[in-house]
Protein backbone atom coordinates (compact mmCIF):
# COMPACT_ATOMS: atom_id res chain seq x y z
CA MET A 1 16.25 42.48 -4.30
CA THR A 2 17.74 45.93 -5.87
CA THR A 3 20.60 47.49 -3.67
CA GLU A 4 20.27 51.44 -3.45
CA VAL A 5 22.77 52.99 -5.08
CA ILE A 6 24.69 55.75 -3.05
CA LYS A 7 25.63 58.90 -5.41
CA PRO A 8 28.63 60.63 -3.83
CA GLY A 9 27.99 63.44 -1.58
CA LEU A 10 28.77 64.61 1.77
CA PHE A 11 26.83 64.01 5.19
CA GLY A 12 23.99 65.74 5.84
CA GLN A 13 23.91 67.95 2.85
CA LYS A 14 20.74 67.97 1.05
CA HIS A 15 20.93 70.91 -0.81
CA SER A 16 23.74 72.81 -1.69
CA ASN A 17 24.93 74.69 -4.80
CA ARG A 18 27.91 72.17 -5.32
CA ALA A 19 26.76 69.01 -7.28
CA TYR A 20 28.94 66.55 -5.73
CA ASP A 21 27.91 63.79 -7.78
CA LYS A 22 28.98 65.48 -10.72
CA GLY A 23 32.15 65.95 -9.45
CA GLN A 24 31.70 69.43 -7.76
CA GLY A 25 33.28 70.66 -4.43
CA TRP A 26 35.70 67.51 -4.28
CA GLY A 27 38.79 69.29 -6.05
CA LYS A 28 41.43 72.58 -5.10
CA ASN A 29 40.13 74.59 -2.21
CA GLN A 30 36.27 73.35 -2.70
CA PHE A 31 36.80 70.05 -0.14
CA ASN A 32 38.30 72.06 2.59
CA SER A 33 34.73 74.20 3.04
CA SER A 34 32.26 71.38 1.94
CA PHE A 35 34.02 68.84 4.53
CA PRO A 36 33.94 71.01 7.52
CA ALA A 37 30.20 71.72 6.80
CA SER A 38 29.30 68.01 6.82
CA LEU A 39 31.49 67.47 9.75
CA VAL A 40 29.33 69.89 11.78
CA ALA A 41 26.45 68.04 10.90
CA TYR A 42 27.62 64.82 11.37
CA MET A 43 28.36 65.88 15.01
CA SER A 44 24.96 67.26 15.22
CA SER A 45 23.46 64.00 14.39
CA LYS A 46 25.38 62.21 17.09
CA GLY A 47 24.89 64.83 20.01
CA LEU A 48 28.33 66.63 19.60
CA GLN A 49 28.48 70.36 19.72
CA PRO A 50 31.03 72.57 18.33
CA VAL A 51 33.18 74.17 20.91
CA TYR A 52 32.56 78.40 20.84
CA ILE A 53 35.60 80.06 21.64
CA CYS A 54 34.07 83.63 22.84
CA LEU A 55 34.41 86.09 25.47
CA ASP A 56 32.87 86.87 28.98
CA LYS A 57 32.02 90.35 30.48
CA SER A 58 35.51 91.32 31.36
CA LEU A 59 37.09 90.08 27.71
CA ASN A 60 38.98 86.86 29.08
CA VAL A 61 38.53 83.58 26.72
CA GLN A 62 35.66 81.13 27.54
CA HIS A 63 34.73 78.06 25.96
CA LYS A 64 31.16 77.09 25.58
CA TYR A 65 29.36 74.57 23.33
CA ILE A 66 26.98 75.86 20.44
CA SER A 67 25.09 73.67 18.95
CA GLY A 68 24.60 72.95 14.95
CA GLU A 69 21.28 74.37 14.71
CA GLU A 70 22.55 77.53 16.64
CA LEU A 71 25.49 77.44 14.29
CA PHE A 72 23.69 76.95 11.21
CA GLY A 73 20.41 79.11 12.11
CA LEU A 74 18.70 75.67 11.31
CA ASP A 75 19.08 72.06 12.35
CA PRO A 76 21.93 70.84 9.79
CA LEU A 77 20.24 68.02 8.63
CA SER A 78 16.65 69.97 7.81
CA ASP A 79 15.17 69.37 4.90
CA ASN A 80 14.65 73.16 4.63
CA LEU A 81 18.64 74.12 4.85
CA TYR A 82 20.61 75.41 2.22
CA TYR A 83 24.23 74.91 1.96
CA SER A 84 25.80 77.86 -0.64
CA PHE A 85 29.32 77.97 -0.57
CA GLU A 86 31.46 81.17 -1.59
CA THR A 87 28.99 83.34 -2.38
CA SER A 88 27.62 86.46 -0.93
CA PHE A 89 25.76 86.96 2.61
CA PRO A 90 22.82 89.28 1.63
CA PRO A 91 22.47 91.17 5.22
CA TYR A 92 26.41 92.15 5.29
CA GLU A 93 25.79 93.59 1.69
CA GLN A 94 24.34 97.07 2.63
CA TYR A 95 27.50 98.07 4.80
CA PHE A 96 30.31 97.85 2.48
CA ILE A 97 31.71 98.11 -1.05
CA GLY A 98 34.49 97.39 -2.87
CA LEU A 99 34.49 93.55 -1.80
CA LYS A 100 36.08 91.66 -4.83
CA LYS A 101 33.78 88.97 -6.29
CA ASN A 102 36.53 86.29 -5.50
CA GLU A 103 35.97 86.95 -2.09
CA HIS A 104 32.70 86.13 -1.07
CA ILE A 105 32.49 84.40 2.72
CA ASP A 106 32.93 80.73 2.31
CA LEU A 107 29.12 79.29 3.87
CA VAL A 108 25.84 80.94 3.59
CA LEU A 109 23.29 78.71 5.04
CA TYR A 110 19.82 79.70 3.99
CA SER A 111 16.17 78.45 4.77
CA LEU A 112 14.32 76.84 1.79
CA GLU A 113 11.22 77.25 4.12
CA LYS A 114 10.39 81.11 3.79
CA GLY A 115 11.81 81.37 0.25
CA LYS A 116 15.47 81.05 0.60
CA GLU A 117 16.16 83.44 3.87
CA PRO A 118 19.80 83.84 4.46
CA LEU A 119 20.38 82.35 8.11
CA ARG A 120 24.36 82.56 8.47
CA GLY A 121 27.49 83.58 6.76
CA LEU A 122 30.31 81.63 8.50
CA GLU A 123 34.23 81.85 7.08
CA ILE A 124 35.78 78.11 7.41
CA LYS A 125 39.41 77.42 8.13
CA LEU A 126 40.24 74.06 8.40
CA THR A 127 43.65 73.27 10.38
CA ALA A 128 46.28 70.84 10.86
CA LEU A 129 46.71 69.73 14.55
CA PRO A 130 49.77 69.96 15.20
CA ASP A 131 51.49 72.85 13.33
CA SER A 132 55.02 73.03 12.82
CA THR A 133 55.60 75.39 15.75
CA THR A 134 53.55 72.73 18.32
CA ARG A 135 54.51 69.23 16.59
CA ASN A 136 57.75 68.54 19.40
CA SER A 137 54.82 69.19 22.42
CA GLU A 138 53.34 66.75 24.58
CA ALA A 139 49.72 66.31 22.89
CA GLU A 140 48.00 68.26 25.43
CA LYS A 141 49.84 71.42 24.66
CA GLN A 142 50.05 70.78 20.19
CA SER A 143 47.58 73.65 18.81
CA CYS A 144 47.46 74.82 15.14
CA GLU A 145 48.03 77.56 13.19
CA VAL A 146 44.72 80.21 11.97
CA VAL A 147 45.32 82.37 9.00
CA VAL A 148 42.47 84.63 8.74
CA ARG A 149 41.75 86.41 5.04
CA ASN A 150 41.48 90.13 4.70
CA PRO A 151 37.51 89.84 4.08
CA THR A 152 36.92 87.54 7.51
CA ILE A 153 37.98 91.28 8.88
CA CYS A 154 35.14 92.92 6.87
CA TYR A 155 32.58 90.36 7.77
CA VAL A 156 33.60 90.69 11.55
CA ALA A 157 33.08 94.75 11.08
CA CYS A 158 29.60 93.99 9.36
CA SER A 159 28.64 92.15 12.07
CA ILE A 160 29.09 94.25 14.58
CA CYS A 161 27.39 96.78 12.33
CA GLU A 162 24.33 94.22 12.45
CA GLN A 163 24.17 95.20 16.19
CA TYR A 164 24.12 99.23 15.51
CA LYS A 165 21.36 99.83 13.07
CA THR A 166 19.24 102.58 14.70
CA GLN A 167 20.27 106.13 14.72
CA LYS A 168 20.82 106.08 18.57
CA GLN A 169 22.74 102.45 18.35
CA LYS A 170 24.79 104.21 15.66
CA ASP A 171 25.45 107.14 18.38
CA ARG A 172 26.54 104.69 20.65
CA LEU A 173 29.42 103.28 18.64
CA ARG A 174 30.29 106.77 17.89
CA GLU A 175 31.16 107.49 20.98
CA LEU A 176 33.06 103.97 21.74
CA LEU A 177 35.33 104.96 19.09
CA ALA A 178 35.96 108.44 20.23
CA GLY A 179 39.20 109.63 21.51
CA VAL A 180 41.47 108.80 18.43
CA PRO A 181 42.90 112.31 16.99
CA HIS A 182 42.48 112.96 13.64
CA ILE A 183 44.90 110.91 11.04
CA ASP A 184 45.58 112.51 7.86
CA HIS A 185 48.12 109.65 6.32
CA TRP A 186 46.44 106.24 7.29
CA ASN A 187 48.69 104.57 5.03
CA GLU A 188 51.44 105.59 7.02
CA GLN A 189 53.06 103.85 9.56
CA SER A 190 54.53 107.29 11.17
CA SER A 191 51.42 108.59 11.07
CA VAL A 192 49.07 105.69 12.84
CA GLY A 193 51.49 104.68 15.01
CA PRO A 194 51.53 107.60 17.51
CA HIS A 195 47.66 106.87 17.78
CA PHE A 196 47.48 102.77 17.63
CA THR A 197 46.98 102.66 21.25
CA LEU A 198 44.09 104.63 21.28
CA ILE A 199 42.98 102.78 18.21
CA ARG A 200 43.30 99.68 20.09
CA ASP A 201 41.33 100.75 23.18
CA ALA A 202 38.20 102.01 20.89
CA VAL A 203 38.45 98.63 19.32
CA VAL A 204 38.22 96.98 22.68
CA ARG A 205 35.57 98.98 23.97
CA VAL A 206 33.70 98.05 20.97
CA MET A 207 34.42 94.46 22.10
CA ALA A 208 32.99 94.90 25.81
CA ASP A 209 30.07 96.54 24.70
CA MET A 210 29.36 93.35 21.82
CA VAL A 211 29.89 90.92 24.92
CA LYS A 212 26.49 90.15 24.95
CA HIS A 213 25.61 90.00 21.40
CA GLN A 214 28.94 88.42 19.99
CA SER A 215 28.45 86.00 17.22
CA PRO A 216 30.10 83.29 15.14
CA ILE A 217 32.19 84.27 12.51
CA MET A 218 34.44 81.38 11.50
CA ILE A 219 34.46 77.55 11.78
CA GLN A 220 37.58 75.70 12.51
CA PRO A 221 38.09 71.86 12.25
CA VAL A 222 40.86 70.38 13.02
CA TRP A 223 42.47 67.57 11.97
CA LYS A 224 45.03 65.46 14.16
CA THR A 225 48.14 63.76 12.63
CA ASP A 226 50.86 62.17 14.34
CA LYS A 227 54.40 62.33 14.37
CA ARG A 228 54.58 60.42 11.38
CA SER A 229 52.17 62.53 9.54
CA ARG A 230 49.65 59.87 9.69
CA LEU A 231 45.72 60.32 11.24
CA THR A 232 45.09 59.33 14.86
CA ASP A 233 42.63 57.50 16.13
CA ASP A 234 40.96 60.35 17.40
CA CYS A 235 41.76 63.12 14.94
CA LEU A 236 38.60 65.70 14.06
CA ASP A 237 36.82 68.33 15.86
CA VAL A 238 35.23 71.72 15.44
CA PHE A 239 36.05 74.60 16.84
CA VAL A 240 33.75 78.12 16.47
CA TRP A 241 35.17 81.53 17.30
CA SER A 242 32.48 84.29 17.88
CA ASN A 243 33.66 87.50 15.69
CA ILE A 244 35.10 89.54 19.14
CA ALA A 245 36.99 86.39 20.02
CA LEU A 246 38.78 86.33 16.90
CA ILE A 247 39.42 89.93 17.21
CA LYS A 248 41.08 89.51 20.49
CA ILE A 249 43.98 87.77 18.79
CA CYS A 250 45.13 91.00 17.51
CA THR A 251 44.42 92.90 20.37
CA ASP A 252 46.27 91.04 22.63
CA ALA A 253 49.29 90.90 20.49
CA GLU A 254 52.22 93.62 21.35
CA PHE A 255 52.87 96.86 20.01
CA VAL A 256 56.15 98.35 21.00
CA PRO A 257 57.37 101.47 19.60
CA LYS A 258 61.25 101.76 19.21
CA LYS A 259 63.20 104.53 20.50
CA GLU A 260 66.06 104.97 17.88
CA LYS A 261 69.85 106.52 18.61
CA ASP A 262 68.53 110.24 17.33
CA GLY A 263 65.88 110.40 19.39
CA SER A 264 63.26 109.29 17.19
CA THR A 265 60.44 106.96 17.60
CA THR A 266 59.80 104.13 14.94
CA TYR A 267 56.56 102.23 14.71
CA ASN A 268 56.58 98.44 13.63
CA ILE A 269 52.77 97.90 12.89
CA SER A 270 52.88 94.03 12.53
CA ARG A 271 49.50 92.30 10.84
CA PHE A 272 47.99 91.83 14.07
CA ASN A 273 47.93 95.49 14.72
CA ARG A 274 47.03 96.59 11.04
CA SER A 275 44.01 94.64 11.24
CA VAL A 276 42.99 96.21 14.44
CA VAL A 277 43.36 99.63 12.54
CA TRP A 278 41.25 97.94 9.51
CA LEU A 279 38.46 97.59 11.86
CA TYR A 280 38.49 100.70 13.58
CA ARG A 281 38.11 102.43 10.28
CA MET A 282 35.52 100.36 9.42
CA LEU A 283 33.30 100.85 12.11
CA PHE A 284 34.30 104.81 12.04
CA ASP A 285 33.51 105.09 8.45
CA TYR A 286 30.20 102.93 8.89
CA VAL A 287 28.99 106.06 11.52
CA THR A 288 30.52 108.61 9.76
CA TYR A 289 29.89 108.02 6.05
CA ASN A 290 25.93 107.19 5.71
CA GLY A 291 26.13 103.64 7.02
CA VAL A 292 28.74 102.28 4.70
CA PHE A 293 32.20 101.50 4.45
CA ASN A 294 34.34 101.02 1.33
CA TYR A 295 36.52 97.53 2.18
CA ALA A 296 39.05 98.16 -0.51
CA ASN A 297 40.10 100.99 0.53
CA ILE A 298 40.67 100.20 3.84
CA THR A 299 42.45 96.75 3.45
CA SER A 300 45.09 98.74 1.44
CA LEU A 301 46.11 100.58 4.35
CA MET A 302 49.78 100.30 5.17
CA SER A 303 49.94 97.02 2.32
CA SER A 304 53.44 98.76 1.84
CA GLY A 305 52.54 98.23 -2.01
CA GLY A 306 52.63 93.78 -1.61
CA LYS A 307 49.45 91.89 -2.38
CA ASN A 308 47.57 91.44 1.00
CA ASP A 309 46.99 87.93 0.68
CA LYS A 310 46.02 87.61 4.48
CA ALA A 311 45.15 89.74 7.19
CA PHE A 312 47.11 87.85 9.82
CA ALA A 313 48.38 84.34 10.87
CA ALA A 314 48.80 83.22 14.44
CA SER A 315 50.76 79.97 14.89
CA GLY A 316 50.29 77.21 16.99
CA ASN A 317 51.98 78.70 20.18
CA ARG A 318 49.96 81.68 19.88
CA THR A 319 46.64 80.29 19.35
CA TYR A 320 46.96 77.33 22.26
CA ALA A 321 45.82 80.07 24.76
CA TYR A 322 42.95 80.46 23.07
CA LEU A 323 41.59 76.65 21.91
CA LYS A 324 43.28 74.69 24.80
CA SER A 325 40.68 72.20 25.92
CA PRO A 326 40.13 68.56 26.04
CA GLU A 327 38.74 68.58 22.36
CA LEU A 328 41.92 69.94 21.28
CA ALA A 329 43.94 67.23 23.22
CA HIS A 330 41.97 64.67 22.27
CA PRO A 331 39.23 65.02 19.49
CA ARG A 332 35.91 63.59 19.36
CA ILE A 333 35.38 62.09 15.88
CA GLY A 334 37.43 59.22 15.01
CA LYS A 335 39.35 58.43 11.60
CA ASP A 336 36.94 55.63 10.96
CA GLU A 337 34.25 58.13 11.23
CA ILE A 338 35.15 59.71 7.84
CA LYS A 339 33.90 57.16 5.93
CA ASN A 340 30.09 58.27 7.56
CA ILE A 341 30.92 61.82 6.12
CA ILE A 342 32.33 61.20 2.73
CA GLN A 343 29.57 59.42 1.01
CA GLY A 344 29.02 57.40 -2.04
CA ASN A 345 32.79 56.58 -2.55
CA GLY A 346 33.39 60.53 -2.69
CA GLN A 347 36.80 60.19 -2.04
CA LEU A 348 37.67 58.73 -5.44
CA LEU A 349 36.58 62.15 -6.98
CA LEU A 350 39.11 63.86 -4.56
CA GLN A 351 41.98 65.95 -6.76
CA PRO A 352 44.54 65.95 -3.62
CA GLU A 353 46.24 69.45 -3.31
CA ARG A 354 45.93 70.53 0.11
CA ARG A 355 47.60 67.91 3.05
CA PHE A 356 44.15 67.11 4.08
CA ASP A 357 42.42 65.56 1.01
CA ALA A 358 46.13 64.26 0.50
CA ILE A 359 45.81 62.22 3.96
CA ILE A 360 42.95 60.80 3.27
CA VAL A 361 43.30 59.37 -0.42
CA ASN A 362 46.68 58.29 0.91
CA THR A 363 45.53 56.60 4.43
CA PRO A 364 45.15 52.38 3.61
CA GLY A 365 41.66 51.03 4.57
CA LEU A 366 40.06 54.17 5.48
CA PHE A 367 36.92 53.21 3.80
CA GLU A 368 36.79 49.88 4.13
C-alpha cells in the first residue's frame, strides 16, 4: 500500500498564480499574503467567520461577521476559485491611471466557472498582536498596528466609484463633494489647510451615503504572542475592514491649526489628514474628468519631496477602538492548527525575513 505524498502547499488554494511546490509563495513578502488567504479558507472549513469591521448609519464602528464566501465572492474551498496574488483587479482599472506595476492589489479572486471572472480585489495586512504601544497592557486591551499603503487609498476610491457609475449617480457624488472652495496649490499645506475641515466633511458625507453599499477592502489577520515573543496557544484570527471603516481612522484623526505669535496660522497636515485629501481629490477628479483620476499625481500631493512609502500607520493605541472584541483578546485559531494550514512540509521552504514566518520556523514542535 502506497502513501500519498502531499506536496508543499497552503490550505484551500487549489488554483493559484503561486506554485508552492516549487518554492513560490514562501519568501520575502509573499507568505504575508499567501498564508492569510488560506487562514480565511481554513476558518471557513471550520464554520468560523472573520470579524467584519464596518459602520452603521450613524458612522459608528460596528462588528459583524462575514463568511468566507461573502468575502471572496465564492466558497474559499471551491474547485472554481482562483487565487491571484499581487496582480491588477480589472474592474478597478477603468477609474485611474498612474499606478505603478509593482503596486498591484494583494489578492484578486477569480471564478473559473465563467472564464476567470474577477470577483474581489482585497488588500492584506498581516499584523502582530500586541504591538509596541500595547504590549504592556492587559490582554483585553492589547491591539496591533495597521500600516496602509498608498495604493489602498486608490482601491478605496475605486470601490466608491463602483457605486456611482451612472450619470445620475455621478451627479449625486458631485453634490456630496460640493462645498470646498477652489484650491490652486494642492501640494502646499498652507493652501489646503484652511479648507481641510470642508474637505473632511465632504468625505464624511460620501461615507454616510455609502453605508448600505460598503464593501470589504482589507483583510487583517492577527497573530498573537506572549511577553516572551512566543506564539500564544490562541494565536490567530482574521478581521476584515470595509472601505469606509478604514477611512474612518483618517476622518477621526485630529486636525488642529496652530496660531503663531505673529497672528498667522500654520497647518500640520498629518498622514491621516493627507489620506482624506487624497481620497477627496480622487473622487472629485472622477466626477470632473471623464470618470478617471490620476493616482500618481494625487499621491504626490504634500509629500514634501520625500518618498511616500505608506499612506498612514495607526498604532495599537489608536486601532483598539476599532478592533476591540472577544476575538482580539482571544483569537479563535490555535497554534497547534498552523500545521493544518501549512501543508506538505511547506514550512521547510520558508525564507524568514518577517517576524511571523521567523517565529513559525523557530517554534519547537509546531509541526510534530
